[in-house]
Amino acid sequence: MDNPFESGHIKNYIMAYVSVVVIMILFFIASTLFYDVKDVETKKFEVAPKKSSYIKKEDIKKDKTFKLLKKGY
């Protein structure tokens, strides 16, 4: 493979890079010019105050659903 700096191909690489940048800038300008800003209506939701999720100790079942083994294996 030839060295692009010595063979003169670096101009092609630079032109390709510059053309991509120019196209990106043109798309950015076009998107900002043709972008219509519409007024958006804000929605307000009626929210009732939440009840506390505190659980009393009396409400917790006192029955155990499983038993532990007395001896570990």
PDB file of N, CA and C in Angstrom:
ATOM      1  N   MET A   1       0.849  -1.187   0.000  1.00  0.00           N
ATOM      2  CA  MET A   1       0.000   0.000   0.000  1.00  0.00           C
ATOM      3  C   MET A   1       0.885   1.238   0.000  1.00  0.00           C
ATOM      4  N   ASP A   2       0.518   2.174  -0.811  1.00  0.00           N
ATOM      5  CA  ASP A   2       1.308   3.399  -0.924  1.00  0.00           C
ATOM      6  C   ASP A   2       0.950   4.360   0.204  1.00  0.00           C
ATOM      7  N   ASN A   3       1.908   5.164   0.541  1.00  0.00           N
ATOM      8  CA  ASN A   3       1.693   6.193   1.540  1.00  0.00           C
ATOM      9  C   ASN A   3       0.831   7.297   0.912  1.00  0.00           C
ATOM     10  N   PRO A   4      -0.352   7.579   1.480  1.00  0.00           N
ATOM     11  CA  PRO A   4      -1.221   8.595   0.853  1.00  0.00           C
ATOM     12  C   PRO A   4      -0.617   9.992   0.880  1.00  0.00           C
ATOM     13  N   PHE A   5       0.297  10.253   1.814  1.00  0.00           N
ATOM     14  CA  PHE A   5       0.911  11.575   1.874  1.00  0.00           C
ATOM     15  C   PHE A   5       1.902  11.765   0.720  1.00  0.00           C
ATOM     16  N   GLU A   6       2.538  10.687   0.317  1.00  0.00           N
ATOM     17  CA  GLU A   6       3.528  10.790  -0.760  1.00  0.00           C
ATOM     18  C   GLU A   6       2.890  10.666  -2.140  1.00  0.00           C
ATOM     19  N   SER A   7       1.829   9.860  -2.256  1.00  0.00           N
ATOM     20  CA  SER A   7       1.246   9.614  -3.573  1.00  0.00           C
ATOM     21  C   SER A   7       0.217  10.670  -3.987  1.00  0.00           C
ATOM     22  N   GLY A   8      -0.171  11.549  -3.077  1.00  0.00           N
ATOM     23  CA  GLY A   8      -1.112  12.604  -3.433  1.00  0.00           C
ATOM     24  C   GLY A   8      -2.566  12.249  -3.187  1.00  0.00           C
ATOM     25  N   HIS A   9      -2.837  11.077  -2.627  1.00  0.00           N
ATOM     26  CA  HIS A   9      -4.222  10.682  -2.356  1.00  0.00           C
ATOM     27  C   HIS A   9      -4.806  11.384  -1.127  1.00  0.00           C
ATOM     28  N   ILE A  10      -3.960  12.049  -0.377  1.00  0.00           N
ATOM     29  CA  ILE A  10      -4.447  12.730   0.826  1.00  0.00           C
ATOM     30  C   ILE A  10      -5.455  13.803   0.459  1.00  0.00           C
ATOM     31  N   LYS A  11      -5.331  14.391  -0.728  1.00  0.00           N
ATOM     32  CA  LYS A  11      -6.299  15.403  -1.164  1.00  0.00           C
ATOM     33  C   LYS A  11      -7.690  14.787  -1.284  1.00  0.00           C
ATOM     34  N   ASN A  12      -7.760  13.565  -1.780  1.00  0.00           N
ATOM     35  CA  ASN A  12      -9.059  12.893  -1.904  1.00  0.00           C
ATOM     36  C   ASN A  12      -9.675  12.629  -0.528  1.00  0.00           C
ATOM     37  N   TYR A  13      -8.844  12.207   0.430  1.00  0.00           N
ATOM     38  CA  TYR A  13      -9.358  11.950   1.777  1.00  0.00           C
ATOM     39  C   TYR A  13      -9.855  13.237   2.433  1.00  0.00           C
ATOM     40  N   ILE A  14      -9.104  14.310   2.254  1.00  0.00           N
ATOM     41  CA  ILE A  14      -9.507  15.597   2.831  1.00  0.00           C
ATOM     42  C   ILE A  14     -10.795  16.092   2.182  1.00  0.00           C
ATOM     43  N   MET A  15     -10.907  15.936   0.871  1.00  0.00           N
ATOM     44  CA  MET A  15     -12.130  16.365   0.175  1.00  0.00           C
ATOM     45  C   MET A  15     -13.339  15.541   0.618  1.00  0.00           C
ATOM     46  N   ALA A  16     -13.153  14.261   0.830  1.00  0.00           N
ATOM     47  CA  ALA A  16     -14.254  13.411   1.302  1.00  0.00           C
ATOM     48  C   ALA A  16     -14.688  13.852   2.697  1.00  0.00           C
ATOM     49  N   TYR A  17     -13.723  14.121   3.583  1.00  0.00           N
ATOM     50  CA  TYR A  17     -14.038  14.567   4.937  1.00  0.00           C
ATOM     51  C   TYR A  17     -14.754  15.914   4.914  1.00  0.00           C
ATOM     52  N   VAL A  18     -14.261  16.847   4.123  1.00  0.00           N
ATOM     53  CA  VAL A  18     -14.861  18.175   4.040  1.00  0.00           C
ATOM     54  C   VAL A  18     -16.268  18.086   3.461  1.00  0.00           C
ATOM     55  N   SER A  19     -16.476  17.221   2.484  1.00  0.00           N
ATOM     56  CA  SER A  19     -17.817  17.097   1.896  1.00  0.00           C
ATOM     57  C   SER A  19     -18.812  16.529   2.909  1.00  0.00           C
ATOM     58  N   VAL A  20     -18.386  15.583   3.730  1.00  0.00           N
ATOM     59  CA  VAL A  20     -19.278  15.049   4.768  1.00  0.00           C
ATOM     60  C   VAL A  20     -19.622  16.135   5.780  1.00  0.00           C
ATOM     61  N   VAL A  21     -18.651  16.928   6.187  1.00  0.00           N
ATOM     62  CA  VAL A  21     -18.900  18.008   7.146  1.00  0.00           C
ATOM     63  C   VAL A  21     -19.839  19.051   6.551  1.00  0.00           C
ATOM     64  N   VAL A  22     -19.653  19.404   5.298  1.00  0.00           N
ATOM     65  CA  VAL A  22     -20.515  20.391   4.639  1.00  0.00           C
ATOM     66  C   VAL A  22     -21.946  19.863   4.553  1.00  0.00           C
ATOM     67  N   ILE A  23     -22.104  18.596   4.219  1.00  0.00           N
ATOM     68  CA  ILE A  23     -23.454  18.018   4.152  1.00  0.00           C
ATOM     69  C   ILE A  23     -24.112  18.032   5.526  1.00  0.00           C
ATOM     70  N   MET A  24     -23.352  17.718   6.575  1.00  0.00           N
ATOM     71  CA  MET A  24     -23.914  17.768   7.941  1.00  0.00           C
ATOM     72  C   MET A  24     -24.344  19.182   8.300  1.00  0.00           C
ATOM     73  N   ILE A  25     -23.541  20.174   7.946  1.00  0.00           N
ATOM     74  CA  ILE A  25     -23.894  21.570   8.247  1.00  0.00           C
ATOM     75  C   ILE A  25     -25.142  21.987   7.468  1.00  0.00           C
ATOM     76  N   LEU A  26     -25.247  21.574   6.212  1.00  0.00           N
ATOM     77  CA  LEU A  26     -26.424  21.920   5.405  1.00  0.00           C
ATOM     78  C   LEU A  26     -27.695  21.279   5.979  1.00  0.00           C
ATOM     79  N   PHE A  27     -27.598  20.030   6.412  1.00  0.00           N
ATOM     80  CA  PHE A  27     -28.757  19.395   7.029  1.00  0.00           C
ATOM     81  C   PHE A  27     -29.148  20.090   8.326  1.00  0.00           C
ATOM     82  N   PHE A  28     -28.158  20.533   9.099  1.00  0.00           N
ATOM     83  CA  PHE A  28     -28.458  21.253  10.340  1.00  0.00           C
ATOM     84  C   PHE A  28     -29.154  22.577  10.044  1.00  0.00           C
ATOM     85  N   ILE A  29     -28.674  23.304   9.081  1.00  0.00           N
ATOM     86  CA  ILE A  29     -29.283  24.589   8.718  1.00  0.00           C
ATOM     87  C   ILE A  29     -30.697  24.370   8.191  1.00  0.00           C
ATOM     88  N   ALA A  30     -30.881  23.361   7.343  1.00  0.00           N
ATOM     89  CA  ALA A  30     -32.208  23.085   6.791  1.00  0.00           C
ATOM     90  C   ALA A  30     -33.179  22.668   7.885  1.00  0.00           C
ATOM     91  N   SER A  31     -32.713  21.886   8.853  1.00  0.00           N
ATOM     92  CA  SER A  31     -33.620  21.441   9.919  1.00  0.00           C
ATOM     93  C   SER A  31     -34.006  22.605  10.831  1.00  0.00           C
ATOM     94  N   THR A  32     -33.115  23.565  11.044  1.00  0.00           N
ATOM     95  CA  THR A  32     -33.474  24.701  11.893  1.00  0.00           C
ATOM     96  C   THR A  32     -34.355  25.704  11.153  1.00  0.00           C
ATOM     97  N   LEU A  33     -34.182  25.837   9.853  1.00  0.00           N
ATOM     98  CA  LEU A  33     -35.000  26.795   9.098  1.00  0.00           C
ATOM     99  C   LEU A  33     -36.433  26.310   8.913  1.00  0.00           C
ATOM    100  N   PHE A  34     -36.592  25.041   8.633  1.00  0.00           N
ATOM    101  CA  PHE A  34     -37.914  24.513   8.312  1.00  0.00           C
ATOM    102  C   PHE A  34     -38.628  23.902   9.518  1.00  0.00           C
ATOM    103  N   TYR A  35     -38.081  24.075  10.701  1.00  0.00           N
ATOM    104  CA  TYR A  35     -38.696  23.526  11.902  1.00  0.00           C
ATOM    105  C   TYR A  35     -39.733  24.517  12.418  1.00  0.00           C
ATOM    106  N   ASP A  36     -41.011  24.105  12.438  1.00  0.00           N
ATOM    107  CA  ASP A  36     -42.078  24.959  12.934  1.00  0.00           C
ATOM    108  C   ASP A  36     -42.317  24.671  14.409  1.00  0.00           C
ATOM    109  N   VAL A  37     -42.219  25.720  15.204  1.00  0.00           N
ATOM    110  CA  VAL A  37     -42.447  25.559  16.634  1.00  0.00           C
ATOM    111  C   VAL A  37     -43.928  25.739  16.896  1.00  0.00           C
ATOM    112  N   LYS A  38     -44.552  24.715  17.444  1.00  0.00           N
ATOM    113  CA  LYS A  38     -45.980  24.776  17.750  1.00  0.00           C
ATOM    114  C   LYS A  38     -46.163  24.945  19.248  1.00  0.00           C
ATOM    115  N   ASP A  39     -47.237  25.641  19.595  1.00  0.00           N
ATOM    116  CA  ASP A  39     -47.546  25.775  21.007  1.00  0.00           C
ATOM    117  C   ASP A  39     -48.131  24.468  21.510  1.00  0.00           C
ATOM    118  N   VAL A  40     -47.552  23.957  22.555  1.00  0.00           N
ATOM    119  CA  VAL A  40     -47.995  22.691  23.116  1.00  0.00           C
ATOM    120  C   VAL A  40     -48.813  22.989  24.367  1.00  0.00           C
ATOM    121  N   GLU A  41     -50.015  22.429  24.411  1.00  0.00           N
ATOM    122  CA  GLU A  41     -50.853  22.642  25.579  1.00  0.00           C
ATOM    123  C   GLU A  41     -50.358  21.753  26.709  1.00  0.00           C
ATOM    124  N   THR A  42     -50.192  22.365  27.867  1.00  0.00           N
ATOM    125  CA  THR A  42     -49.745  21.572  29.002  1.00  0.00           C
ATOM    126  C   THR A  42     -50.951  20.902  29.639  1.00  0.00           C
ATOM    127  N   LYS A  43     -50.783  19.665  30.025  1.00  0.00           N
ATOM    128  CA  LYS A  43     -51.862  18.913  30.640  1.00  0.00           C
ATOM    129  C   LYS A  43     -51.650  18.898  32.144  1.00  0.00           C
ATOM    130  N   LYS A  44     -52.731  19.131  32.856  1.00  0.00           N
ATOM    131  CA  LYS A  44     -52.672  19.097  34.311  1.00  0.00           C
ATOM    132  C   LYS A  44     -53.552  17.953  34.778  1.00  0.00           C
ATOM    133  N   PHE A  45     -52.989  17.120  35.604  1.00  0.00           N
ATOM    134  CA  PHE A  45     -53.711  15.979  36.123  1.00  0.00           C
ATOM    135  C   PHE A  45     -54.093  16.245  37.574  1.00  0.00           C
ATOM    136  N   GLU A  46     -55.344  15.971  37.874  1.00  0.00           N
ATOM    137  CA  GLU A  46     -55.806  16.118  39.248  1.00  0.00           C
ATOM    138  C   GLU A  46     -55.359  14.883  40.028  1.00  0.00           C
ATOM    139  N   VAL A  47     -54.497  15.116  40.978  1.00  0.00           N
ATOM    140  CA  VAL A  47     -53.951  13.998  41.743  1.00  0.00           C
ATOM    141  C   VAL A  47     -54.397  14.151  43.189  1.00  0.00           C
ATOM    142  N   ALA A  48     -55.034  13.107  43.684  1.00  0.00           N
ATOM    143  CA  ALA A  48     -55.437  13.102  45.086  1.00  0.00           C
ATOM    144  C   ALA A  48     -54.208  12.772  45.930  1.00  0.00           C
ATOM    145  N   PRO A  49     -54.150  13.306  47.138  1.00  0.00           N
ATOM    146  CA  PRO A  49     -52.997  12.989  47.983  1.00  0.00           C
ATOM    147  C   PRO A  49     -52.951  11.494  48.288  1.00  0.00           C
ATOM    148  N   LYS A  50     -51.771  10.939  48.235  1.00  0.00           N
ATOM    149  CA  LYS A  50     -51.610   9.512  48.467  1.00  0.00           C
ATOM    150  C   LYS A  50     -51.750   9.191  49.955  1.00  0.00           C
ATOM    151  N   LYS A  51     -52.335   8.029  50.202  1.00  0.00           N
ATOM    152  CA  LYS A  51     -52.431   7.569  51.580  1.00  0.00           C
ATOM    153  C   LYS A  51     -51.094   6.972  51.971  1.00  0.00           C
ATOM    154  N   SER A  52     -50.805   7.027  53.247  1.00  0.00           N
ATOM    155  CA  SER A  52     -49.524   6.496  53.689  1.00  0.00           C
ATOM    156  C   SER A  52     -49.513   4.979  53.560  1.00  0.00           C
ATOM    157  N   SER A  53     -48.378   4.442  53.247  1.00  0.00           N
ATOM    158  CA  SER A  53     -48.258   3.002  53.071  1.00  0.00           C
ATOM    159  C   SER A  53     -47.651   2.344  54.304  1.00  0.00           C
ATOM    160  N   TYR A  54     -47.846   2.974  55.439  1.00  0.00           N
ATOM    161  CA  TYR A  54     -47.305   2.445  56.691  1.00  0.00           C
ATOM    162  C   TYR A  54     -48.117   1.231  57.110  1.00  0.00           C
ATOM    163  N   ILE A  55     -47.430   0.133  57.403  1.00  0.00           N
ATOM    164  CA  ILE A  55     -48.099  -1.098  57.830  1.00  0.00           C
ATOM    165  C   ILE A  55     -47.921  -1.247  59.335  1.00  0.00           C
ATOM    166  N   LYS A  56     -49.041  -1.434  59.996  1.00  0.00           N
ATOM    167  CA  LYS A  56     -48.979  -1.610  61.437  1.00  0.00           C
ATOM    168  C   LYS A  56     -48.512  -3.017  61.766  1.00  0.00           C
ATOM    169  N   LYS A  57     -47.916  -3.160  62.927  1.00  0.00           N
ATOM    170  CA  LYS A  57     -47.426  -4.467  63.344  1.00  0.00           C
ATOM    171  C   LYS A  57     -48.591  -5.429  63.584  1.00  0.00           C
ATOM    172  N   GLU A  58     -49.725  -4.911  63.933  1.00  0.00           N
ATOM    173  CA  GLU A  58     -50.872  -5.768  64.199  1.00  0.00           C
ATOM    174  C   GLU A  58     -51.403  -6.393  62.905  1.00  0.00           C
ATOM    175  N   ASP A  59     -51.210  -5.723  61.786  1.00  0.00           N
ATOM    176  CA  ASP A  59     -51.720  -6.221  60.521  1.00  0.00           C
ATOM    177  C   ASP A  59     -50.883  -7.373  59.955  1.00  0.00           C
ATOM    178  N   ILE A  60     -49.641  -7.488  60.394  1.00  0.00           N
ATOM    179  CA  ILE A  60     -48.760  -8.537  59.890  1.00  0.00           C
ATOM    180  C   ILE A  60     -49.157  -9.861  60.528  1.00  0.00           C
ATOM    181  N   LYS A  61     -49.229 -10.910  59.716  1.00  0.00           N
ATOM    182  CA  LYS A  61     -49.584 -12.215  60.243  1.00  0.00           C
ATOM    183  C   LYS A  61     -48.495 -12.704  61.181  1.00  0.00           C
ATOM    184  N   LYS A  62     -48.928 -13.294  62.269  1.00  0.00           N
ATOM    185  CA  LYS A  62     -47.967 -13.803  63.236  1.00  0.00           C
ATOM    186  C   LYS A  62     -47.660 -15.270  62.969  1.00  0.00           C
ATOM    187  N   ASP A  63     -48.409 -15.904  62.077  1.00  0.00           N
ATOM    188  CA  ASP A  63     -48.148 -17.304  61.738  1.00  0.00           C
ATOM    189  C   ASP A  63     -46.957 -17.361  60.798  1.00  0.00           C
ATOM    190  N   LYS A  64     -46.057 -18.302  61.082  1.00  0.00           N
ATOM    191  CA  LYS A  64     -44.916 -18.487  60.205  1.00  0.00           C
ATOM    192  C   LYS A  64     -45.318 -19.448  59.099  1.00  0.00           C
ATOM    193  N   THR A  65     -44.924 -19.160  57.906  1.00  0.00           N
ATOM    194  CA  THR A  65     -45.299 -20.010  56.783  1.00  0.00           C
ATOM    195  C   THR A  65     -44.304 -21.138  56.564  1.00  0.00           C
ATOM    196  N   PHE A  66     -43.162 -21.097  57.209  1.00  0.00           N
ATOM    197  CA  PHE A  66     -42.182 -22.170  57.070  1.00  0.00           C
ATOM    198  C   PHE A  66     -41.466 -22.343  58.398  1.00  0.00           C
ATOM    199  N   LYS A  67     -40.840 -23.512  58.556  1.00  0.00           N
ATOM    200  CA  LYS A  67     -40.107 -23.797  59.773  1.00  0.00           C
ATOM    201  C   LYS A  67     -38.644 -24.006  59.434  1.00  0.00           C
ATOM    202  N   LEU A  68     -37.801 -23.530  60.296  1.00  0.00           N
ATOM    203  CA  LEU A  68     -36.359 -23.737  60.119  1.00  0.00           C
ATOM    204  C   LEU A  68     -35.964 -25.049  60.750  1.00  0.00           C
ATOM    205  N   LEU A  69     -35.000 -25.707  60.180  1.00  0.00           N
ATOM    206  CA  LEU A  69     -34.492 -26.950  60.751  1.00  0.00           C
ATOM    207  C   LEU A  69     -33.637 -26.653  61.974  1.00  0.00           C
ATOM    208  N   LYS A  70     -33.729 -27.550  62.948  1.00  0.00           N
ATOM    209  CA  LYS A  70     -32.920 -27.351  64.153  1.00  0.00           C
ATOM    210  C   LYS A  70     -31.465 -27.663  63.900  1.00  0.00           C
ATOM    211  N   LYS A  71     -31.227 -28.529  62.941  1.00  0.00           N
ATOM    212  CA  LYS A  71     -29.870 -28.950  62.649  1.00  0.00           C
ATOM    213  C   LYS A  71     -29.539 -28.572  61.216  1.00  0.00           C
ATOM    214  N   GLY A  72     -28.412 -27.920  60.997  1.00  0.00           N
ATOM    215  CA  GLY A  72     -28.006 -27.558  59.649  1.00  0.00           C
ATOM    216  C   GLY A  72     -27.183 -28.649  59.013  1.00  0.00           C
ATOM    217  N   TYR A  73     -27.354 -28.909  57.784  1.00  0.00           N
ATOM    218  CA  TYR A  73     -26.626 -29.982  57.102  1.00  0.00           C
ATOM    219  C   TYR A  73     -25.503 -29.464  56.269  1.00  0.00           C
TER     220      TYR A  73
END
